[in-house]
Amino acid sequence: MNMLQDYIREFINPFPNRYTRGQYEIRVLPHDDLDYDGVEKFWRLFKKFPNDFAAAAVSLLPDDVEFIQYDHLNNILFANKL
């Protein structure tokens, strides 16, 4: 993982734990404790570095969750709990 992806991870809210198997749509949202400037930076990173943003979001998935696809237009990550 590169430094930009590590940096972007700090702005993404952790994903909720899923206890049942199946497919999920997970909205990628700004971290809860960000101030206004932090939220603005989240959206700038989202727009300016879409590939690194998606890679950072996927890297936050737990080990038992399989990545399916990322919808950049709606900022939704599709995953499958194994």
C-alpha atoms as a PDB file:
ATOM      1  CA  MET A   1       0.000   0.000   0.000  1.00  0.00           C
ATOM      2  CA  ASN A   2       1.323   3.427  -0.833  1.00  0.00           C
ATOM      3  CA  MET A   3       1.505   6.467   1.429  1.00  0.00           C
ATOM      4  CA  LEU A   4      -1.473   8.194  -0.198  1.00  0.00           C
ATOM      5  CA  GLN A   5      -3.716   5.202   0.475  1.00  0.00           C
ATOM      6  CA  ASP A   6      -2.579   5.151   4.115  1.00  0.00           C
ATOM      7  CA  TYR A   7      -3.384   8.843   4.365  1.00  0.00           C
ATOM      8  CA  ILE A   8      -6.846   8.413   2.803  1.00  0.00           C
ATOM      9  CA  ARG A   9      -7.680   5.570   5.221  1.00  0.00           C
ATOM     10  CA  GLU A  10      -7.547   8.075   8.089  1.00  0.00           C
ATOM     11  CA  PHE A  11     -10.532   9.942   6.612  1.00  0.00           C
ATOM     12  CA  ILE A  12     -12.794   6.914   5.994  1.00  0.00           C
ATOM     13  CA  ASN A  13     -15.248   5.845   8.676  1.00  0.00           C
ATOM     14  CA  PRO A  14     -14.648   2.218   9.753  1.00  0.00           C
ATOM     15  CA  PHE A  15     -17.069  -0.245   8.215  1.00  0.00           C
ATOM     16  CA  PRO A  16     -19.643  -1.928  10.454  1.00  0.00           C
ATOM     17  CA  ASN A  17     -19.047  -5.555  11.361  1.00  0.00           C
ATOM     18  CA  ARG A  18     -21.291  -7.994   9.539  1.00  0.00           C
ATOM     19  CA  TYR A  19     -21.974 -11.240  11.356  1.00  0.00           C
ATOM     20  CA  THR A  20     -24.024 -13.062   8.723  1.00  0.00           C
ATOM     21  CA  ARG A  21     -22.899 -14.347   5.362  1.00  0.00           C
ATOM     22  CA  GLY A  22     -24.059 -12.657   2.215  1.00  0.00           C
ATOM     23  CA  GLN A  23     -23.568  -9.671  -0.026  1.00  0.00           C
ATOM     24  CA  TYR A  24     -23.545  -6.145   1.324  1.00  0.00           C
ATOM     25  CA  GLU A  25     -23.568  -2.595   0.011  1.00  0.00           C
ATOM     26  CA  ILE A  26     -21.364  -0.435   2.204  1.00  0.00           C
ATOM     27  CA  ARG A  27     -21.426   3.350   1.898  1.00  0.00           C
ATOM     28  CA  VAL A  28     -17.978   4.862   2.193  1.00  0.00           C
ATOM     29  CA  LEU A  29     -18.431   7.825   4.528  1.00  0.00           C
ATOM     30  CA  PRO A  30     -16.153  10.386   6.181  1.00  0.00           C
ATOM     31  CA  HIS A  31     -14.874   9.504   9.648  1.00  0.00           C
ATOM     32  CA  ASP A  32     -17.309  10.567  12.402  1.00  0.00           C
ATOM     33  CA  ASP A  33     -14.832  12.718  14.323  1.00  0.00           C
ATOM     34  CA  LEU A  34     -13.733  14.876  11.367  1.00  0.00           C
ATOM     35  CA  ASP A  35     -14.354  18.594  11.505  1.00  0.00           C
ATOM     36  CA  TYR A  36     -15.675  20.577   8.536  1.00  0.00           C
ATOM     37  CA  ASP A  37     -12.213  20.893   6.971  1.00  0.00           C
ATOM     38  CA  GLY A  38     -11.617  17.164   7.390  1.00  0.00           C
ATOM     39  CA  VAL A  39     -14.875  16.308   5.633  1.00  0.00           C
ATOM     40  CA  GLU A  40     -13.989  18.707   2.803  1.00  0.00           C
ATOM     41  CA  LYS A  41     -10.583  17.017   2.496  1.00  0.00           C
ATOM     42  CA  PHE A  42     -12.328  13.595   2.370  1.00  0.00           C
ATOM     43  CA  TRP A  43     -14.389  14.702  -0.646  1.00  0.00           C
ATOM     44  CA  ARG A  44     -11.384  16.329  -2.351  1.00  0.00           C
ATOM     45  CA  LEU A  45      -9.403  13.090  -2.007  1.00  0.00           C
ATOM     46  CA  PHE A  46     -12.430  11.187  -3.316  1.00  0.00           C
ATOM     47  CA  LYS A  47     -12.599  13.393  -6.429  1.00  0.00           C
ATOM     48  CA  LYS A  48      -8.884  13.886  -7.094  1.00  0.00           C
ATOM     49  CA  PHE A  49      -7.566  10.356  -6.444  1.00  0.00           C
ATOM     50  CA  PRO A  50     -10.378   7.899  -7.277  1.00  0.00           C
ATOM     51  CA  ASN A  51      -8.150   4.833  -7.675  1.00  0.00           C
ATOM     52  CA  ASP A  52      -6.230   5.395  -4.448  1.00  0.00           C
ATOM     53  CA  PHE A  53      -9.479   6.228  -2.661  1.00  0.00           C
ATOM     54  CA  ALA A  54     -11.060   2.954  -3.786  1.00  0.00           C
ATOM     55  CA  ALA A  55      -7.952   0.972  -2.836  1.00  0.00           C
ATOM     56  CA  ALA A  56      -7.916   2.570   0.621  1.00  0.00           C
ATOM     57  CA  ALA A  57     -11.597   1.723   1.135  1.00  0.00           C
ATOM     58  CA  VAL A  58     -11.077  -1.886   0.044  1.00  0.00           C
ATOM     59  CA  SER A  59      -8.089  -2.233   2.379  1.00  0.00           C
ATOM     60  CA  LEU A  60     -10.396  -1.465   5.335  1.00  0.00           C
ATOM     61  CA  LEU A  61     -12.482  -4.589   4.709  1.00  0.00           C
ATOM     62  CA  PRO A  62     -12.009  -7.406   7.259  1.00  0.00           C
ATOM     63  CA  ASP A  63     -10.161 -10.537   6.147  1.00  0.00           C
ATOM     64  CA  ASP A  64     -13.340 -12.611   5.927  1.00  0.00           C
ATOM     65  CA  VAL A  65     -15.014 -10.141   3.558  1.00  0.00           C
ATOM     66  CA  GLU A  66     -14.417 -10.427  -0.173  1.00  0.00           C
ATOM     67  CA  PHE A  67     -14.386  -7.315  -2.356  1.00  0.00           C
ATOM     68  CA  ILE A  68     -16.782  -7.462  -5.330  1.00  0.00           C
ATOM     69  CA  GLN A  69     -16.810  -3.949  -6.829  1.00  0.00           C
ATOM     70  CA  TYR A  70     -16.723  -0.264  -6.005  1.00  0.00           C
ATOM     71  CA  ASP A  71     -19.274   2.159  -7.431  1.00  0.00           C
ATOM     72  CA  HIS A  72     -17.344   5.429  -7.576  1.00  0.00           C
ATOM     73  CA  LEU A  73     -20.310   7.517  -8.720  1.00  0.00           C
ATOM     74  CA  ASN A  74     -22.389   6.582  -5.661  1.00  0.00           C
ATOM     75  CA  ASN A  75     -19.452   5.904  -3.317  1.00  0.00           C
ATOM     76  CA  ILE A  76     -20.682   2.405  -2.471  1.00  0.00           C
ATOM     77  CA  LEU A  77     -18.507  -0.646  -1.928  1.00  0.00           C
ATOM     78  CA  PHE A  78     -20.018  -4.050  -2.740  1.00  0.00           C
ATOM     79  CA  ALA A  79     -18.689  -6.923  -0.664  1.00  0.00           C
ATOM     80  CA  ASN A  80     -19.433 -10.521   0.169  1.00  0.00           C
ATOM     81  CA  LYS A  81     -19.118 -11.915   3.707  1.00  0.00           C
ATOM     82  CA  LEU A  82     -17.688 -15.428   3.424  1.00  0.00           C
END
